[in-house]
Amino acid sequence: MSGKAKKKTAKKEQKFSFILLIGLLFMIGYFAISFVNIRININQREKQVAELKAELEQQLAENDRLQGVLDGEDQEEYIERIAREKLGYVLPGEKVYYNVTPQN
């Protein structure tokens, strides 16, 4: 091979190596960014699952309490509480006072 041919081949190899290196760097960057995004999504989902589990526990406790009312435990108390809170009922002779001062 002549000297010119060797230089041309060497330049081609350098150009090819440079392009290959740039492509490899882009791929590594893409995968790194994708990995970080996936990790963030996983953390958000784990937090959401924990919140939903806590909500489930609260709902199960409320269900147990209401089942107790249905079974006859504290039924009178429950009815009275609902009548007072939701319907605004009072017992005969009972006076109800409302606080109308502005709250800051």
N, C-alpha and C. Protein backbone atom coordinates (compact mmCIF):
# COMPACT_ATOMS: atom_id res chain seq x y z
N MET A 1 0.84 -1.18 0.00
CA MET A 1 0.00 0.00 0.00
C MET A 1 0.87 1.23 0.00
N SER A 2 0.32 2.22 -0.64
CA SER A 2 1.07 3.47 -0.70
C SER A 2 0.79 4.27 0.56
N GLY A 3 1.54 5.31 0.77
CA GLY A 3 1.41 6.16 1.95
C GLY A 3 0.07 6.88 1.99
N LYS A 4 -0.41 7.29 0.78
CA LYS A 4 -1.70 7.99 0.71
C LYS A 4 -2.85 7.06 1.10
N ALA A 5 -2.78 5.86 0.65
CA ALA A 5 -3.85 4.89 0.92
C ALA A 5 -3.90 4.58 2.42
N LYS A 6 -2.72 4.48 3.05
CA LYS A 6 -2.68 4.21 4.49
C LYS A 6 -3.29 5.37 5.27
N LYS A 7 -2.98 6.61 4.86
CA LYS A 7 -3.52 7.78 5.54
C LYS A 7 -5.03 7.84 5.39
N LYS A 8 -5.51 7.52 4.19
CA LYS A 8 -6.95 7.56 3.93
C LYS A 8 -7.66 6.50 4.77
N THR A 9 -7.08 5.30 4.86
CA THR A 9 -7.66 4.23 5.65
C THR A 9 -7.63 4.58 7.13
N ALA A 10 -6.56 5.17 7.58
CA ALA A 10 -6.43 5.56 8.98
C ALA A 10 -7.46 6.64 9.32
N LYS A 11 -7.67 7.61 8.41
CA LYS A 11 -8.67 8.66 8.64
C LYS A 11 -10.07 8.06 8.70
N LYS A 12 -10.35 7.09 7.81
CA LYS A 12 -11.66 6.44 7.81
C LYS A 12 -11.89 5.71 9.13
N GLU A 13 -10.86 5.01 9.60
CA GLU A 13 -10.98 4.27 10.85
C GLU A 13 -11.18 5.23 12.03
N GLN A 14 -10.47 6.36 12.01
CA GLN A 14 -10.62 7.35 13.08
C GLN A 14 -12.03 7.94 13.06
N LYS A 15 -12.51 8.26 11.85
CA LYS A 15 -13.84 8.83 11.71
C LYS A 15 -14.89 7.81 12.18
N PHE A 16 -14.71 6.55 11.77
CA PHE A 16 -15.63 5.50 12.17
C PHE A 16 -15.59 5.30 13.69
N SER A 17 -14.41 5.30 14.28
CA SER A 17 -14.27 5.13 15.72
C SER A 17 -14.92 6.30 16.47
N PHE A 18 -14.75 7.51 15.96
CA PHE A 18 -15.34 8.69 16.59
C PHE A 18 -16.86 8.62 16.54
N ILE A 19 -17.42 8.27 15.40
CA ILE A 19 -18.87 8.13 15.25
C ILE A 19 -19.39 7.02 16.15
N LEU A 20 -18.67 5.92 16.22
CA LEU A 20 -19.06 4.80 17.08
C LEU A 20 -19.03 5.24 18.55
N LEU A 21 -18.02 6.00 18.94
CA LEU A 21 -17.91 6.48 20.31
C LEU A 21 -19.06 7.43 20.65
N ILE A 22 -19.40 8.34 19.75
CA ILE A 22 -20.51 9.28 19.97
C ILE A 22 -21.82 8.50 20.10
N GLY A 23 -22.03 7.55 19.22
CA GLY A 23 -23.24 6.72 19.27
C GLY A 23 -23.33 5.95 20.58
N LEU A 24 -22.22 5.40 21.00
CA LEU A 24 -22.18 4.66 22.26
C LEU A 24 -22.48 5.57 23.44
N LEU A 25 -21.94 6.78 23.44
CA LEU A 25 -22.20 7.74 24.51
C LEU A 25 -23.68 8.13 24.54
N PHE A 26 -24.28 8.34 23.38
CA PHE A 26 -25.70 8.66 23.32
C PHE A 26 -26.55 7.51 23.88
N MET A 27 -26.19 6.28 23.53
CA MET A 27 -26.93 5.12 24.03
C MET A 27 -26.80 5.01 25.54
N ILE A 28 -25.61 5.19 26.06
CA ILE A 28 -25.41 5.12 27.52
C ILE A 28 -26.20 6.22 28.21
N GLY A 29 -26.17 7.44 27.65
CA GLY A 29 -26.95 8.55 28.23
C GLY A 29 -28.44 8.26 28.21
N TYR A 30 -28.93 7.73 27.10
CA TYR A 30 -30.34 7.40 26.98
C TYR A 30 -30.75 6.37 28.03
N PHE A 31 -29.95 5.31 28.17
CA PHE A 31 -30.28 4.27 29.14
C PHE A 31 -30.18 4.79 30.57
N ALA A 32 -29.23 5.66 30.83
CA ALA A 32 -29.11 6.23 32.18
C ALA A 32 -30.33 7.08 32.52
N ILE A 33 -30.74 7.92 31.58
CA ILE A 33 -31.92 8.77 31.80
C ILE A 33 -33.17 7.90 31.94
N SER A 34 -33.29 6.87 31.12
CA SER A 34 -34.43 5.96 31.21
C SER A 34 -34.45 5.26 32.57
N PHE A 35 -33.30 4.83 33.04
CA PHE A 35 -33.21 4.16 34.33
C PHE A 35 -33.65 5.09 35.45
N VAL A 36 -33.20 6.33 35.42
CA VAL A 36 -33.58 7.30 36.46
C VAL A 36 -35.09 7.54 36.43
N ASN A 37 -35.66 7.72 35.24
CA ASN A 37 -37.10 7.94 35.12
C ASN A 37 -37.90 6.75 35.64
N ILE A 38 -37.46 5.56 35.32
CA ILE A 38 -38.15 4.35 35.79
C ILE A 38 -38.05 4.27 37.31
N ARG A 39 -36.89 4.59 37.87
CA ARG A 39 -36.71 4.54 39.33
C ARG A 39 -37.63 5.55 40.01
N ILE A 40 -37.77 6.75 39.44
CA ILE A 40 -38.66 7.77 39.99
C ILE A 40 -40.10 7.26 39.95
N ASN A 41 -40.50 6.67 38.83
CA ASN A 41 -41.87 6.12 38.72
C ASN A 41 -42.11 5.02 39.74
N ILE A 42 -41.12 4.17 39.95
CA ILE A 42 -41.26 3.09 40.93
C ILE A 42 -41.45 3.68 42.32
N ASN A 43 -40.66 4.68 42.67
CA ASN A 43 -40.78 5.31 43.99
C ASN A 43 -42.16 5.94 44.17
N GLN A 44 -42.67 6.60 43.13
CA GLN A 44 -44.00 7.20 43.21
C GLN A 44 -45.07 6.13 43.40
N ARG A 45 -44.94 5.04 42.69
CA ARG A 45 -45.92 3.94 42.80
C ARG A 45 -45.87 3.31 44.18
N GLU A 46 -44.65 3.14 44.73
CA GLU A 46 -44.52 2.56 46.07
C GLU A 46 -45.19 3.46 47.11
N LYS A 47 -45.02 4.76 46.94
CA LYS A 47 -45.65 5.71 47.86
C LYS A 47 -47.18 5.63 47.73
N GLN A 48 -47.65 5.53 46.50
CA GLN A 48 -49.09 5.42 46.25
C GLN A 48 -49.64 4.13 46.86
N VAL A 49 -48.90 3.04 46.74
CA VAL A 49 -49.33 1.76 47.32
C VAL A 49 -49.40 1.88 48.84
N ALA A 50 -48.41 2.53 49.46
CA ALA A 50 -48.43 2.70 50.91
C ALA A 50 -49.64 3.53 51.35
N GLU A 51 -49.95 4.59 50.61
CA GLU A 51 -51.11 5.42 50.94
C GLU A 51 -52.40 4.61 50.80
N LEU A 52 -52.50 3.82 49.75
CA LEU A 52 -53.69 3.01 49.54
C LEU A 52 -53.84 1.93 50.61
N LYS A 53 -52.71 1.37 51.05
CA LYS A 53 -52.78 0.37 52.13
C LYS A 53 -53.27 1.01 53.42
N ALA A 54 -52.80 2.23 53.71
CA ALA A 54 -53.25 2.93 54.91
C ALA A 54 -54.74 3.24 54.81
N GLU A 55 -55.18 3.66 53.63
CA GLU A 55 -56.60 3.94 53.41
C GLU A 55 -57.43 2.67 53.56
N LEU A 56 -56.91 1.56 53.08
CA LEU A 56 -57.59 0.27 53.22
C LEU A 56 -57.75 -0.10 54.69
N GLU A 57 -56.68 0.08 55.46
CA GLU A 57 -56.75 -0.23 56.89
C GLU A 57 -57.80 0.62 57.59
N GLN A 58 -57.86 1.91 57.25
CA GLN A 58 -58.87 2.79 57.84
C GLN A 58 -60.27 2.33 57.46
N GLN A 59 -60.44 1.97 56.21
CA GLN A 59 -61.76 1.54 55.75
C GLN A 59 -62.17 0.22 56.42
N LEU A 60 -61.22 -0.69 56.59
CA LEU A 60 -61.53 -1.95 57.26
C LEU A 60 -61.93 -1.70 58.72
N ALA A 61 -61.24 -0.77 59.38
CA ALA A 61 -61.60 -0.44 60.76
C ALA A 61 -63.00 0.17 60.81
N GLU A 62 -63.31 1.05 59.86
CA GLU A 62 -64.65 1.65 59.80
C GLU A 62 -65.70 0.58 59.52
N ASN A 63 -65.39 -0.35 58.64
CA ASN A 63 -66.32 -1.45 58.35
C ASN A 63 -66.60 -2.29 59.60
N ASP A 64 -65.54 -2.58 60.36
CA ASP A 64 -65.71 -3.34 61.60
C ASP A 64 -66.61 -2.58 62.58
N ARG A 65 -66.38 -1.27 62.69
CA ARG A 65 -67.18 -0.46 63.60
C ARG A 65 -68.65 -0.47 63.17
N LEU A 66 -68.89 -0.29 61.87
CA LEU A 66 -70.26 -0.29 61.37
C LEU A 66 -70.92 -1.66 61.49
N GLN A 67 -70.12 -2.71 61.32
CA GLN A 67 -70.67 -4.06 61.49
C GLN A 67 -71.09 -4.26 62.94
N GLY A 68 -70.32 -3.70 63.87
CA GLY A 68 -70.70 -3.77 65.28
C GLY A 68 -72.01 -3.07 65.53
N VAL A 69 -72.22 -1.94 64.87
CA VAL A 69 -73.49 -1.21 65.00
C VAL A 69 -74.63 -2.05 64.44
N LEU A 70 -74.40 -2.67 63.31
CA LEU A 70 -75.44 -3.52 62.72
C LEU A 70 -75.77 -4.72 63.60
N ASP A 71 -74.76 -5.23 64.26
CA ASP A 71 -74.96 -6.40 65.13
C ASP A 71 -75.63 -6.03 66.44
N GLY A 72 -75.88 -4.74 66.67
CA GLY A 72 -76.61 -4.34 67.86
C GLY A 72 -75.77 -3.62 68.90
N GLU A 73 -74.47 -3.59 68.73
CA GLU A 73 -73.62 -2.89 69.68
C GLU A 73 -73.75 -1.39 69.45
N ASP A 74 -74.02 -0.64 70.46
CA ASP A 74 -74.06 0.83 70.41
C ASP A 74 -75.03 1.37 69.36
N GLN A 75 -76.05 0.63 69.02
CA GLN A 75 -76.96 1.08 67.98
C GLN A 75 -77.69 2.36 68.39
N GLU A 76 -78.11 2.42 69.64
CA GLU A 76 -78.80 3.62 70.12
C GLU A 76 -77.88 4.84 70.06
N GLU A 77 -76.63 4.64 70.50
CA GLU A 77 -75.64 5.73 70.47
C GLU A 77 -75.40 6.20 69.03
N TYR A 78 -75.27 5.25 68.13
CA TYR A 78 -75.01 5.56 66.73
C TYR A 78 -76.16 6.37 66.14
N ILE A 79 -77.38 5.92 66.38
CA ILE A 79 -78.55 6.61 65.84
C ILE A 79 -78.63 8.02 66.39
N GLU A 80 -78.37 8.18 67.69
CA GLU A 80 -78.42 9.50 68.31
C GLU A 80 -77.34 10.42 67.73
N ARG A 81 -76.14 9.88 67.55
CA ARG A 81 -75.04 10.69 66.99
C ARG A 81 -75.36 11.15 65.57
N ILE A 82 -75.87 10.26 64.75
CA ILE A 82 -76.21 10.62 63.37
C ILE A 82 -77.34 11.64 63.36
N ALA A 83 -78.34 11.45 64.22
CA ALA A 83 -79.46 12.40 64.28
C ALA A 83 -78.96 13.79 64.67
N ARG A 84 -78.03 13.86 65.59
CA ARG A 84 -77.50 15.16 66.03
C ARG A 84 -76.60 15.79 64.96
N GLU A 85 -75.63 15.01 64.45
CA GLU A 85 -74.63 15.56 63.53
C GLU A 85 -75.20 15.84 62.14
N LYS A 86 -75.90 14.90 61.59
CA LYS A 86 -76.35 15.02 60.20
C LYS A 86 -77.70 15.73 60.06
N LEU A 87 -78.60 15.45 60.99
CA LEU A 87 -79.96 15.95 60.85
C LEU A 87 -80.26 17.15 61.74
N GLY A 88 -79.36 17.44 62.71
CA GLY A 88 -79.56 18.60 63.57
C GLY A 88 -80.62 18.40 64.63
N TYR A 89 -80.96 17.17 64.96
CA TYR A 89 -81.98 16.91 65.99
C TYR A 89 -81.41 17.18 67.38
N VAL A 90 -82.31 17.52 68.31
CA VAL A 90 -81.95 17.69 69.72
C VAL A 90 -82.99 16.99 70.58
N LEU A 91 -82.60 16.70 71.81
CA LEU A 91 -83.54 16.08 72.73
C LEU A 91 -84.52 17.14 73.24
N PRO A 92 -85.71 16.75 73.65
CA PRO A 92 -86.68 17.72 74.18
C PRO A 92 -86.09 18.45 75.40
N GLY A 93 -86.23 19.78 75.40
CA GLY A 93 -85.73 20.59 76.50
C GLY A 93 -84.25 20.91 76.39
N GLU A 94 -83.59 20.42 75.41
CA GLU A 94 -82.15 20.64 75.25
C GLU A 94 -81.92 21.93 74.46
N LYS A 95 -80.94 22.73 74.88
CA LYS A 95 -80.61 23.97 74.17
C LYS A 95 -79.28 23.78 73.46
N VAL A 96 -79.23 24.23 72.21
CA VAL A 96 -78.02 24.11 71.40
C VAL A 96 -77.48 25.50 71.15
N TYR A 97 -76.20 25.67 71.39
CA TYR A 97 -75.54 26.95 71.15
C TYR A 97 -74.53 26.77 70.02
N TYR A 98 -74.48 27.74 69.13
CA TYR A 98 -73.54 27.71 68.02
C TYR A 98 -72.54 28.84 68.17
N ASN A 99 -71.29 28.54 67.95
CA ASN A 99 -70.23 29.54 68.01
C ASN A 99 -70.17 30.24 66.65
N VAL A 100 -70.47 31.52 66.63
CA VAL A 100 -70.50 32.27 65.38
C VAL A 100 -69.36 33.26 65.28
N THR A 101 -68.39 33.19 66.18
CA THR A 101 -67.25 34.10 66.11
C THR A 101 -66.37 33.69 64.94
N PRO A 102 -65.78 34.67 64.25
CA PRO A 102 -64.93 34.33 63.10
C PRO A 102 -63.66 33.61 63.56
N GLN A 103 -63.31 32.63 62.81
CA GLN A 103 -62.10 31.86 63.11
C GLN A 103 -60.97 32.36 62.22
N ASN A 104 -59.81 32.61 62.81
CA ASN A 104 -58.64 33.09 62.04
C ASN A 104 -57.81 31.95 61.58
